[in-house]
PDB file of all heavy atoms in Angstrom:
ATOM      1  N   PRO A   1      95.347  10.158 114.205  1.00  0.00           N
ATOM      2  CA  PRO A   1      94.176  10.275 113.331  1.00  0.00           C
ATOM      3  C   PRO A   1      93.804  11.733 113.087  1.00  0.00           C
ATOM      4  O   PRO A   1      94.015  12.598 113.948  1.00  0.00           O
ATOM      5  CB  PRO A   1      93.075   9.541 114.101  1.00  0.00           C
ATOM      6  CG  PRO A   1      93.823   8.620 115.025  1.00  0.00           C
ATOM      7  CD  PRO A   1      95.070   9.331 115.386  1.00  0.00           C
ATOM      8  N   GLU A   2      93.233  11.992 111.918  1.00  0.00           N
ATOM      9  CA  GLU A   2      92.877  13.365 111.536  1.00  0.00           C
ATOM     10  C   GLU A   2      91.791  13.950 112.438  1.00  0.00           C
ATOM     11  O   GLU A   2      91.792  15.144 112.712  1.00  0.00           O
ATOM     12  CB  GLU A   2      92.378  13.396 110.091  1.00  0.00           C
ATOM     13  CG  GLU A   2      93.424  12.927 109.098  1.00  0.00           C
ATOM     14  CD  GLU A   2      92.806  12.550 107.764  1.00  0.00           C
ATOM     15  OE1 GLU A   2      92.297  11.430 107.657  1.00  0.00           O
ATOM     16  OE2 GLU A   2      92.844  13.394 106.854  1.00  0.00           O
ATOM     17  N   GLY A   3      90.846  13.164 112.861  1.00  0.00           N
ATOM     18  CA  GLY A   3      89.699  13.706 113.589  1.00  0.00           C
ATOM     19  C   GLY A   3      88.551  13.980 112.645  1.00  0.00           C
ATOM     20  O   GLY A   3      88.730  14.096 111.428  1.00  0.00           O
ATOM     21  N   ALA A   4      87.358  14.133 113.212  1.00  0.00           N
ATOM     22  CA  ALA A   4      86.145  14.262 112.394  1.00  0.00           C
ATOM     23  C   ALA A   4      86.106  15.566 111.603  1.00  0.00           C
ATOM     24  O   ALA A   4      85.470  15.636 110.547  1.00  0.00           O
ATOM     25  CB  ALA A   4      84.910  14.174 113.287  1.00  0.00           C
ATOM     26  N   ALA A   5      86.788  16.629 112.073  1.00  0.00           N
ATOM     27  CA  ALA A   5      86.650  17.947 111.455  1.00  0.00           C
ATOM     28  C   ALA A   5      87.849  18.344 110.620  1.00  0.00           C
ATOM     29  O   ALA A   5      87.912  19.453 110.116  1.00  0.00           O
ATOM     30  CB  ALA A   5      86.406  19.002 112.533  1.00  0.00           C
ATOM     31  N   ILE A   6      88.841  17.440 110.432  1.00  0.00           N
ATOM     32  CA  ILE A   6      90.071  17.785 109.724  1.00  0.00           C
ATOM     33  C   ILE A   6      90.363  16.739 108.658  1.00  0.00           C
ATOM     34  O   ILE A   6      90.195  15.534 108.868  1.00  0.00           O
ATOM     35  CB  ILE A   6      91.256  17.866 110.712  1.00  0.00           C
ATOM     36  CG1 ILE A   6      91.077  19.030 111.686  1.00  0.00           C
ATOM     37  CG2 ILE A   6      92.579  18.037 109.971  1.00  0.00           C
ATOM     38  CD1 ILE A   6      92.174  19.155 112.731  1.00  0.00           C
ATOM     39  N   ARG A   7      90.794  17.192 107.471  1.00  0.00           N
ATOM     40  CA  ARG A   7      91.285  16.331 106.411  1.00  0.00           C
ATOM     41  C   ARG A   7      92.774  16.599 106.232  1.00  0.00           C
ATOM     42  O   ARG A   7      93.225  17.744 106.239  1.00  0.00           O
ATOM     43  CB  ARG A   7      90.569  16.573 105.092  1.00  0.00           C
ATOM     44  CG  ARG A   7      89.199  15.982 104.952  1.00  0.00           C
ATOM     45  CD  ARG A   7      89.194  14.455 104.851  1.00  0.00           C
ATOM     46  NE  ARG A   7      90.152  13.917 103.894  1.00  0.00           N
ATOM     47  CZ  ARG A   7      89.953  13.888 102.566  1.00  0.00           C
ATOM     48  NH1 ARG A   7      88.840  14.382 102.028  1.00  0.00           N
ATOM     49  NH2 ARG A   7      90.870  13.364 101.767  1.00  0.00           N
ATOM     50  N   ARG A   8      93.525  15.539 106.009  1.00  0.00           N
ATOM     51  CA  ARG A   8      94.981  15.641 105.794  1.00  0.00           C
ATOM     52  C   ARG A   8      95.264  15.209 104.353  1.00  0.00           C
ATOM     53  O   ARG A   8      95.095  14.063 104.011  1.00  0.00           O
ATOM     54  CB  ARG A   8      95.702  14.761 106.800  1.00  0.00           C
ATOM     55  CG  ARG A   8      97.236  14.863 106.735  1.00  0.00           C
ATOM     56  CD  ARG A   8      97.868  13.904 107.726  1.00  0.00           C
ATOM     57  NE  ARG A   8      97.519  14.284 109.098  1.00  0.00           N
ATOM     58  CZ  ARG A   8      97.212  13.392 110.048  1.00  0.00           C
ATOM     59  NH1 ARG A   8      97.185  12.076 109.768  1.00  0.00           N
ATOM     60  NH2 ARG A   8      96.906  13.785 111.261  1.00  0.00           N
ATOM     61  N   LEU A   9      95.691  16.159 103.530  1.00  0.00           N
ATOM     62  CA  LEU A   9      95.917  15.899 102.107  1.00  0.00           C
ATOM     63  C   LEU A   9      97.397  16.000 101.755  1.00  0.00           C
ATOM     64  O   LEU A   9      98.081  16.938 102.206  1.00  0.00           O
ATOM     65  CB  LEU A   9      95.146  16.897 101.245  1.00  0.00           C
ATOM     66  CG  LEU A   9      93.639  17.012 101.474  1.00  0.00           C
ATOM     67  CD1 LEU A   9      93.074  18.099 100.580  1.00  0.00           C
ATOM     68  CD2 LEU A   9      92.952  15.675 101.222  1.00  0.00           C
ATOM     69  N   PRO A  10      97.925  15.074 100.950  1.00  0.00           N
ATOM     70  CA  PRO A  10      99.308  15.199 100.500  1.00  0.00           C
ATOM     71  C   PRO A  10      99.493  16.420  99.608  1.00  0.00           C
ATOM     72  O   PRO A  10      98.630  16.727  98.783  1.00  0.00           O
ATOM     73  CB  PRO A  10      99.563  13.889  99.734  1.00  0.00           C
ATOM     74  CG  PRO A  10      98.191  13.427  99.330  1.00  0.00           C
ATOM     75  CD  PRO A  10      97.251  13.876 100.404  1.00  0.00           C
ATOM     76  N   ILE A  11     100.605  17.114  99.789  1.00  0.00           N
ATOM     77  CA  ILE A  11     100.898  18.301  99.001  1.00  0.00           C
ATOM     78  C   ILE A  11     101.772  17.912  97.824  1.00  0.00           C
ATOM     79  O   ILE A  11     102.829  17.303  98.002  1.00  0.00           O
ATOM     80  CB  ILE A  11     101.601  19.378  99.870  1.00  0.00           C
ATOM     81  CG1 ILE A  11     100.734  19.759 101.058  1.00  0.00           C
ATOM     82  CG2 ILE A  11     101.942  20.600  99.033  1.00  0.00           C
ATOM     83  CD1 ILE A  11     101.431  20.679 102.034  1.00  0.00           C
ATOM     84  N   TYR A  12     101.335  18.316  96.616  1.00  0.00           N
ATOM     85  CA  TYR A  12     102.076  17.983  95.400  1.00  0.00           C
ATOM     86  C   TYR A  12     102.592  19.248  94.722  1.00  0.00           C
ATOM     87  O   TYR A  12     102.011  20.333  94.831  1.00  0.00           O
ATOM     88  CB  TYR A  12     101.165  17.234  94.416  1.00  0.00           C
ATOM     89  CG  TYR A  12     101.110  15.746  94.646  1.00  0.00           C
ATOM     90  CD1 TYR A  12     100.551  15.219  95.819  1.00  0.00           C
ATOM     91  CD2 TYR A  12     101.629  14.858  93.720  1.00  0.00           C
ATOM     92  CE1 TYR A  12     100.501  13.855  96.039  1.00  0.00           C
ATOM     93  CE2 TYR A  12     101.579  13.483  93.923  1.00  0.00           C
ATOM     94  CZ  TYR A  12     101.019  12.983  95.088  1.00  0.00           C
ATOM     95  OH  TYR A  12     100.990  11.639  95.299  1.00  0.00           O
ATOM     96  N   GLN A  13     103.704  19.030  94.023  1.00  0.00           N
ATOM     97  CA  GLN A  13     104.294  20.101  93.186  1.00  0.00           C
ATOM     98  C   GLN A  13     104.940  19.431  91.979  1.00  0.00           C
ATOM     99  O   GLN A  13     105.700  18.462  92.137  1.00  0.00           O
ATOM    100  CB  GLN A  13     105.324  20.930  93.950  1.00  0.00           C
ATOM    101  CG  GLN A  13     105.877  22.111  93.163  1.00  0.00           C
ATOM    102  CD  GLN A  13     106.842  22.940  93.984  1.00  0.00           C
ATOM    103  OE1 GLN A  13     107.526  22.414  94.840  1.00  0.00           O
ATOM    104  NE2 GLN A  13     106.903  24.245  93.717  1.00  0.00           N
ATOM    105  N   ASN A  14     104.597  19.912  90.799  1.00  0.00           N
ATOM    106  CA  ASN A  14     105.126  19.332  89.556  1.00  0.00           C
ATOM    107  C   ASN A  14     104.856  17.830  89.457  1.00  0.00           C
ATOM    108  O   ASN A  14     105.715  17.050  89.009  1.00  0.00           O
ATOM    109  CB  ASN A  14     106.628  19.604  89.434  1.00  0.00           C
ATOM    110  CG  ASN A  14     106.950  21.093  89.416  1.00  0.00           C
ATOM    111  OD1 ASN A  14     106.201  21.888  88.844  1.00  0.00           O
ATOM    112  ND2 ASN A  14     108.052  21.461  90.050  1.00  0.00           N
ATOM    113  N   GLY A  15     103.694  17.422  89.910  1.00  0.00           N
ATOM    114  CA  GLY A  15     103.273  16.037  89.795  1.00  0.00           C
ATOM    115  C   GLY A  15     103.843  15.079  90.825  1.00  0.00           C
ATOM    116  O   GLY A  15     103.573  13.876  90.776  1.00  0.00           O
ATOM    117  N   LYS A  16     104.610  15.589  91.784  1.00  0.00           N
ATOM    118  CA  LYS A  16     105.201  14.724  92.817  1.00  0.00           C
ATOM    119  C   LYS A  16     104.907  15.303  94.188  1.00  0.00           C
ATOM    120  O   LYS A  16     104.798  16.518  94.373  1.00  0.00           O
ATOM    121  CB  LYS A  16     106.708  14.604  92.623  1.00  0.00           C
ATOM    122  CG  LYS A  16     107.117  13.934  91.321  1.00  0.00           C
ATOM    123  CD  LYS A  16     108.624  13.825  91.219  1.00  0.00           C
ATOM    124  CE  LYS A  16     109.056  13.144  89.933  1.00  0.00           C
ATOM    125  NZ  LYS A  16     110.529  13.055  89.811  1.00  0.00           N
ATOM    126  N   GLN A  17     104.799  14.394  95.184  1.00  0.00           N
ATOM    127  CA  GLN A  17     104.580  14.870  96.538  1.00  0.00           C
ATOM    128  C   GLN A  17     105.835  15.585  97.046  1.00  0.00           C
ATOM    129  O   GLN A  17     106.973  15.147  96.828  1.00  0.00           O
ATOM    130  CB  GLN A  17     104.224  13.734  97.477  1.00  0.00           C
ATOM    131  CG  GLN A  17     103.827  14.226  98.878  1.00  0.00           C
ATOM    132  CD  GLN A  17     103.316  13.123  99.794  1.00  0.00           C
ATOM    133  OE1 GLN A  17     103.403  11.946  99.459  1.00  0.00           O
ATOM    134  NE2 GLN A  17     102.789  13.483 100.952  1.00  0.00           N
ATOM    135  N   VAL A  18     105.642  16.686  97.745  1.00  0.00           N
ATOM    136  CA  VAL A  18     106.732  17.434  98.346  1.00  0.00           C
ATOM    137  C   VAL A  18     107.312  16.600  99.496  1.00  0.00           C
ATOM    138  O   VAL A  18     106.557  16.101 100.347  1.00  0.00           O
ATOM    139  CB  VAL A  18     106.276  18.800  98.869  1.00  0.00           C
ATOM    140  CG1 VAL A  18     107.399  19.534  99.567  1.00  0.00           C
ATOM    141  CG2 VAL A  18     105.707  19.635  97.725  1.00  0.00           C
ATOM    142  N   LEU A  19     108.637  16.431  99.507  1.00  0.00           N
ATOM    143  CA  LEU A  19     109.301  15.606 100.524  1.00  0.00           C
ATOM    144  C   LEU A  19     110.287  16.448 101.320  1.00  0.00           C
ATOM    145  O   LEU A  19     110.839  17.423 100.823  1.00  0.00           O
ATOM    146  CB  LEU A  19     110.045  14.453  99.851  1.00  0.00           C
ATOM    147  CG  LEU A  19     109.212  13.449  99.027  1.00  0.00           C
ATOM    148  CD1 LEU A  19     110.108  12.461  98.354  1.00  0.00           C
ATOM    149  CD2 LEU A  19     108.179  12.766  99.914  1.00  0.00           C
ATOM    150  N   ARG A  20     110.486  16.032 102.567  1.00  0.00           N
ATOM    151  CA  ARG A  20     111.444  16.713 103.468  1.00  0.00           C
ATOM    152  C   ARG A  20     112.322  15.676 104.138  1.00  0.00           C
ATOM    153  O   ARG A  20     111.901  14.540 104.354  1.00  0.00           O
ATOM    154  CB  ARG A  20     110.683  17.508 104.538  1.00  0.00           C
ATOM    155  CG  ARG A  20     109.753  18.598 104.033  1.00  0.00           C
ATOM    156  CD  ARG A  20     110.483  19.827 103.539  1.00  0.00           C
ATOM    157  NE  ARG A  20     111.470  20.283 104.470  1.00  0.00           N
ATOM    158  CZ  ARG A  20     111.196  20.925 105.628  1.00  0.00           C
ATOM    159  NH1 ARG A  20     109.948  21.165 105.983  1.00  0.00           N
ATOM    160  NH2 ARG A  20     112.158  21.328 106.436  1.00  0.00           N
ATOM    161  N   ASN A  21     113.526  16.073 104.511  1.00  0.00           N
ATOM    162  CA  ASN A  21     114.437  15.207 105.254  1.00  0.00           C
ATOM    163  C   ASN A  21     114.363  15.523 106.749  1.00  0.00           C
ATOM    164  O   ASN A  21     114.414  16.687 107.151  1.00  0.00           O
ATOM    165  CB  ASN A  21     115.880  15.409 104.783  1.00  0.00           C
ATOM    166  CG  ASN A  21     116.109  14.894 103.383  1.00  0.00           C
ATOM    167  OD1 ASN A  21     115.534  13.881 102.994  1.00  0.00           O
ATOM    168  ND2 ASN A  21     116.938  15.572 102.619  1.00  0.00           N
ATOM    169  N   TYR A  22     114.244  14.468 107.546  1.00  0.00           N
ATOM    170  CA  TYR A  22     114.290  14.615 109.003  1.00  0.00           C
ATOM    171  C   TYR A  22     115.482  13.830 109.529  1.00  0.00           C
ATOM    172  O   TYR A  22     115.771  12.722 109.067  1.00  0.00           O
ATOM    173  CB  TYR A  22     112.996  14.111 109.645  1.00  0.00           C
ATOM    174  CG  TYR A  22     111.984  15.223 109.839  1.00  0.00           C
ATOM    175  CD1 TYR A  22     111.329  15.783 108.750  1.00  0.00           C
ATOM    176  CD2 TYR A  22     111.723  15.738 111.093  1.00  0.00           C
ATOM    177  CE1 TYR A  22     110.422  16.795 108.916  1.00  0.00           C
ATOM    178  CE2 TYR A  22     110.829  16.759 111.272  1.00  0.00           C
ATOM    179  CZ  TYR A  22     110.172  17.299 110.172  1.00  0.00           C
ATOM    180  OH  TYR A  22     109.276  18.320 110.357  1.00  0.00           O
ATOM    181  N   CYS A  23     116.160  14.431 110.502  1.00  0.00           N
ATOM    182  CA  CYS A  23     117.391  13.823 111.055  1.00  0.00           C
ATOM    183  C   CYS A  23     117.438  14.008 112.568  1.00  0.00           C
ATOM    184  O   CYS A  23     116.729  14.853 113.131  1.00  0.00           O
ATOM    185  CB  CYS A  23     118.642  14.470 110.443  1.00  0.00           C
ATOM    186  SG  CYS A  23     118.741  14.434 108.642  1.00  0.00           S
ATOM    187  N   ALA A  24     118.270  13.209 113.168  1.00  0.00           N
ATOM    188  CA  ALA A  24     118.706  13.474 114.546  1.00  0.00           C
ATOM    189  C   ALA A  24     120.071  14.162 114.428  1.00  0.00           C
ATOM    190  O   ALA A  24     120.920  13.750 113.622  1.00  0.00           O
ATOM    191  CB  ALA A  24     118.792  12.196 115.338  1.00  0.00           C
ATOM    192  N   PHE A  25     120.280  15.183 115.210  1.00  0.00           N
ATOM    193  CA  PHE A  25     121.539  15.889 115.201  1.00  0.00           C
ATOM    194  C   PHE A  25     122.103  15.946 116.627  1.00  0.00           C
ATOM    195  O   PHE A  25     121.370  16.154 117.579  1.00  0.00           O
ATOM    196  CB  PHE A  25     121.360  17.342 114.724  1.00  0.00           C
ATOM    197  CG  PHE A  25     120.784  17.454 113.333  1.00  0.00           C
ATOM    198  CD1 PHE A  25     119.428  17.634 113.126  1.00  0.00           C
ATOM    199  CD2 PHE A  25     121.609  17.415 112.212  1.00  0.00           C
ATOM    200  CE1 PHE A  25     118.880  17.762 111.868  1.00  0.00           C
ATOM    201  CE2 PHE A  25     121.088  17.531 110.942  1.00  0.00           C
ATOM    202  CZ  PHE A  25     119.743  17.712 110.752  1.00  0.00           C
ATOM    203  N   TRP A  26     123.423  15.769 116.732  1.00  0.00           N
ATOM    204  CA  TRP A  26     124.092  16.020 118.011  1.00  0.00           C
ATOM    205  C   TRP A  26     125.539  16.429 117.729  1.00  0.00           C
ATOM    206  O   TRP A  26     126.095  16.164 116.678  1.00  0.00           O
ATOM    207  CB  TRP A  26     124.019  14.822 118.931  1.00  0.00           C
ATOM    208  CG  TRP A  26     124.683  13.555 118.501  1.00  0.00           C
ATOM    209  CD1 TRP A  26     125.964  13.155 118.742  1.00  0.00           C
ATOM    210  CD2 TRP A  26     124.090  12.458 117.748  1.00  0.00           C
ATOM    211  NE1 TRP A  26     126.209  11.925 118.217  1.00  0.00           N
ATOM    212  CE2 TRP A  26     125.086  11.468 117.603  1.00  0.00           C
ATOM    213  CE3 TRP A  26     122.824  12.230 117.227  1.00  0.00           C
ATOM    214  CZ2 TRP A  26     124.844  10.275 116.940  1.00  0.00           C
ATOM    215  CZ3 TRP A  26     122.585  11.051 116.552  1.00  0.00           C
ATOM    216  CH2 TRP A  26     123.573  10.084 116.423  1.00  0.00           C
ATOM    217  N   ARG A  27     126.123  17.090 118.703  1.00  0.00           N
ATOM    218  CA  ARG A  27     127.474  17.600 118.557  1.00  0.00           C
ATOM    219  C   ARG A  27     128.459  16.440 118.641  1.00  0.00           C
ATOM    220  O   ARG A  27     128.385  15.601 119.524  1.00  0.00           O
ATOM    221  CB  ARG A  27     127.792  18.620 119.642  1.00  0.00           C
ATOM    222  CG  ARG A  27     127.144  19.970 119.402  1.00  0.00           C
ATOM    223  CD  ARG A  27     127.309  20.922 120.593  1.00  0.00           C
ATOM    224  NE  ARG A  27     128.676  20.995 121.084  1.00  0.00           N
ATOM    225  CZ  ARG A  27     129.086  21.885 121.971  1.00  0.00           C
ATOM    226  NH1 ARG A  27     128.229  22.768 122.458  1.00  0.00           N
ATOM    227  NH2 ARG A  27     130.326  21.900 122.387  1.00  0.00           N
ATOM    228  N   LYS A  28     129.419  16.406 117.699  1.00  0.00           N
ATOM    229  CA  LYS A  28     130.410  15.345 117.708  1.00  0.00           C
ATOM    230  C   LYS A  28     131.250  15.350 118.991  1.00  0.00           C
ATOM    231  O   LYS A  28     131.604  14.281 119.477  1.00  0.00           O
ATOM    232  CB  LYS A  28     131.336  15.483 116.477  1.00  0.00           C
ATOM    233  CG  LYS A  28     130.685  15.060 115.167  1.00  0.00           C
ATOM    234  CD  LYS A  28     131.699  15.126 114.040  1.00  0.00           C
ATOM    235  CE  LYS A  28     131.074  14.623 112.732  1.00  0.00           C
ATOM    236  NZ  LYS A  28     132.050  14.694 111.610  1.00  0.00           N
ATOM    237  N   ASP A  29     131.534  16.530 119.487  1.00  0.00           N
ATOM    238  CA  ASP A  29     132.389  16.591 120.684  1.00  0.00           C
ATOM    239  C   ASP A  29     131.631  16.207 121.951  1.00  0.00           C
ATOM    240  O   ASP A  29     132.245  16.159 123.033  1.00  0.00           O
ATOM    241  CB  ASP A  29     132.987  17.978 120.829  1.00  0.00           C
ATOM    242  CG  ASP A  29     131.963  19.083 121.000  1.00  0.00           C
ATOM    243  OD1 ASP A  29     130.755  18.802 120.863  1.00  0.00           O
ATOM    244  OD2 ASP A  29     132.346  20.231 121.299  1.00  0.00           O
ATOM    245  N   ARG A  30     130.327  15.931 121.844  1.00  0.00           N
ATOM    246  CA  ARG A  30     129.553  15.498 123.003  1.00  0.00           C
ATOM    247  C   ARG A  30     128.827  14.189 122.756  1.00  0.00           C
ATOM    248  O   ARG A  30     127.866  13.864 123.433  1.00  0.00           O
ATOM    249  CB  ARG A  30     128.557  16.591 123.402  1.00  0.00           C
ATOM    250  CG  ARG A  30     129.224  17.885 123.829  1.00  0.00           C
ATOM    251  CD  ARG A  30     128.312  18.783 124.596  1.00  0.00           C
ATOM    252  NE  ARG A  30     129.002  19.954 125.110  1.00  0.00           N
ATOM    253  CZ  ARG A  30     128.482  20.828 125.939  1.00  0.00           C
ATOM    254  NH1 ARG A  30     127.233  20.681 126.340  1.00  0.00           N
ATOM    255  NH2 ARG A  30     129.164  21.856 126.371  1.00  0.00           N
ATOM    256  N   SER A  31     129.292  13.460 121.773  1.00  0.00           N
ATOM    257  CA  SER A  31     128.659  12.167 121.457  1.00  0.00           C
ATOM    258  C   SER A  31     128.817  11.216 122.623  1.00  0.00           C
ATOM    259  O   SER A  31     129.799  11.278 123.369  1.00  0.00           O
ATOM    260  CB  SER A  31     129.275  11.572 120.204  1.00  0.00           C
ATOM    261  OG  SER A  31     128.558  10.448 119.757  1.00  0.00           O
ATOM    262  N   SER A  32     127.846  10.340 122.797  1.00  0.00           N
ATOM    263  CA  SER A  32     127.892   9.357 123.896  1.00  0.00           C
ATOM    264  C   SER A  32     127.119   8.107 123.476  1.00  0.00           C
ATOM    265  O   SER A  32     126.371   8.117 122.493  1.00  0.00           O
ATOM    266  CB  SER A  32     127.282   9.933 125.166  1.00  0.00           C
ATOM    267  OG  SER A  32     125.875  10.101 125.018  1.00  0.00           O
ATOM    268  N   HIS A  33     127.313   7.066 124.232  1.00  0.00           N
ATOM    269  CA  HIS A  33     126.619   5.814 123.944  1.00  0.00           C
ATOM    270  C   HIS A  33     125.106   6.009 124.059  1.00  0.00           C
ATOM    271  O   HIS A  33     124.342   5.470 123.243  1.00  0.00           O
ATOM    272  CB  HIS A  33     127.078   4.742 124.943  1.00  0.00           C
ATOM    273  CG  HIS A  33     126.362   3.429 124.776  1.00  0.00           C
ATOM    274  ND1 HIS A  33     126.552   2.598 123.705  1.00  0.00           N
ATOM    275  CD2 HIS A  33     125.397   2.824 125.542  1.00  0.00           C
ATOM    276  CE1 HIS A  33     125.788   1.517 123.818  1.00  0.00           C
ATOM    277  NE2 HIS A  33     125.078   1.648 124.914  1.00  0.00           N
ATOM    278  N   ALA A  34     124.661   6.776 125.050  1.00  0.00           N
ATOM    279  CA  ALA A  34     123.220   7.004 125.254  1.00  0.00           C
ATOM    280  C   ALA A  34     122.607   7.700 124.045  1.00  0.00           C
ATOM    281  O   ALA A  34     121.526   7.332 123.571  1.00  0.00           O
ATOM    282  CB  ALA A  34     122.982   7.787 126.516  1.00  0.00           C
ATOM    283  N   ILE A  35     123.287   8.729 123.526  1.00  0.00           N
ATOM    284  CA  ILE A  35     122.774   9.439 122.350  1.00  0.00           C
ATOM    285  C   ILE A  35     122.670   8.530 121.157  1.00  0.00           C
ATOM    286  O   ILE A  35     121.648   8.482 120.458  1.00  0.00           O
ATOM    287  CB  ILE A  35     123.678  10.659 122.033  1.00  0.00           C
ATOM    288  CG1 ILE A  35     123.600  11.708 123.171  1.00  0.00           C
ATOM    289  CG2 ILE A  35     123.295  11.289 120.700  1.00  0.00           C
ATOM    290  CD1 ILE A  35     124.584  12.850 123.002  1.00  0.00           C
ATOM    291  N   GLU A  36     123.746   7.777 120.907  1.00  0.00           N
ATOM    292  CA  GLU A  36     123.767   6.883 119.738  1.00  0.00           C
ATOM    293  C   GLU A  36     122.700   5.807 119.847  1.00  0.00           C
ATOM    294  O   GLU A  36     122.054   5.452 118.860  1.00  0.00           O
ATOM    295  CB  GLU A  36     125.155   6.281 119.604  1.00  0.00           C
ATOM    296  CG  GLU A  36     126.217   7.329 119.253  1.00  0.00           C
ATOM    297  CD  GLU A  36     127.637   6.760 119.340  1.00  0.00           C
ATOM    298  OE1 GLU A  36     127.760   5.544 119.670  1.00  0.00           O
ATOM    299  OE2 GLU A  36     128.606   7.510 119.123  1.00  0.00           O
ATOM    300  N   GLU A  37     122.512   5.258 121.044  1.00  0.00           N
ATOM    301  CA  GLU A  37     121.497   4.231 121.254  1.00  0.00           C
ATOM    302  C   GLU A  37     120.091   4.774 120.990  1.00  0.00           C
ATOM    303  O   GLU A  37     119.276   4.136 120.326  1.00  0.00           O
ATOM    304  CB  GLU A  37     121.585   3.691 122.683  1.00  0.00           C
ATOM    305  CG  GLU A  37     122.622   2.625 122.873  1.00  0.00           C
ATOM    306  CD  GLU A  37     122.227   1.311 122.218  1.00  0.00           C
ATOM    307  OE1 GLU A  37     121.246   0.688 122.634  1.00  0.00           O
ATOM    308  OE2 GLU A  37     122.896   0.939 121.235  1.00  0.00           O
ATOM    309  N   PHE A  38     119.818   5.960 121.530  1.00  0.00           N
ATOM    310  CA  PHE A  38     118.477   6.530 121.342  1.00  0.00           C
ATOM    311  C   PHE A  38     118.221   6.818 119.881  1.00  0.00           C
ATOM    312  O   PHE A  38     117.120   6.522 119.354  1.00  0.00           O
ATOM    313  CB  PHE A  38     118.307   7.799 122.161  1.00  0.00           C
ATOM    314  CG  PHE A  38     116.926   8.382 122.047  1.00  0.00           C
ATOM    315  CD1 PHE A  38     115.890   7.896 122.832  1.00  0.00           C
ATOM    316  CD2 PHE A  38     116.639   9.397 121.132  1.00  0.00           C
ATOM    317  CE1 PHE A  38     114.619   8.396 122.705  1.00  0.00           C
ATOM    318  CE2 PHE A  38     115.364   9.894 120.991  1.00  0.00           C
ATOM    319  CZ  PHE A  38     114.352   9.388 121.778  1.00  0.00           C
ATOM    320  N   ALA A  39     119.201   7.397 119.196  1.00  0.00           N
ATOM    321  CA  ALA A  39     119.026   7.704 117.765  1.00  0.00           C
ATOM    322  C   ALA A  39     118.777   6.429 116.971  1.00  0.00           C
ATOM    323  O   ALA A  39     117.952   6.417 116.048  1.00  0.00           O
ATOM    324  CB  ALA A  39     120.256   8.451 117.228  1.00  0.00           C
ATOM    325  N   GLY A  40     119.498   5.357 117.309  1.00  0.00           N
ATOM    326  CA  GLY A  40     119.302   4.097 116.603  1.00  0.00           C
ATOM    327  C   GLY A  40     117.912   3.513 116.829  1.00  0.00           C
ATOM    328  O   GLY A  40     117.294   2.988 115.900  1.00  0.00           O
ATOM    329  N   ILE A  41     117.426   3.604 118.063  1.00  0.00           N
ATOM    330  CA  ILE A  41     116.064   3.137 118.363  1.00  0.00           C
ATOM    331  C   ILE A  41     115.033   3.915 117.558  1.00  0.00           C
ATOM    332  O   ILE A  41     114.110   3.348 116.956  1.00  0.00           O
ATOM    333  CB  ILE A  41     115.782   3.237 119.860  1.00  0.00           C
ATOM    334  CG1 ILE A  41     116.628   2.233 120.649  1.00  0.00           C
ATOM    335  CG2 ILE A  41     114.297   3.005 120.156  1.00  0.00           C
ATOM    336  CD1 ILE A  41     116.565   2.424 122.158  1.00  0.00           C
ATOM    337  N   LEU A  42     115.188   5.221 117.545  1.00  0.00           N
ATOM    338  CA  LEU A  42     114.208   6.081 116.849  1.00  0.00           C
ATOM    339  C   LEU A  42     114.210   5.788 115.363  1.00  0.00           C
ATOM    340  O   LEU A  42     113.143   5.672 114.737  1.00  0.00           O
ATOM    341  CB  LEU A  42     114.540   7.537 117.118  1.00  0.00           C
ATOM    342  CG  LEU A  42     113.578   8.570 116.512  1.00  0.00           C
ATOM    343  CD1 LEU A  42     112.165   8.325 116.992  1.00  0.00           C
ATOM    344  CD2 LEU A  42     114.028   9.978 116.857  1.00  0.00           C
TER     345      LEU A  42
END
């Protein structure tokens, strides 16, 4: 939640909200079942 003293406003540019990509990253040479399972859950 924002809290009583803070407002959270969407940021727009050229009439559209600014979007970003978020990813999970890991090294291919160190991939493991645990890493893949956690990324899938998230």
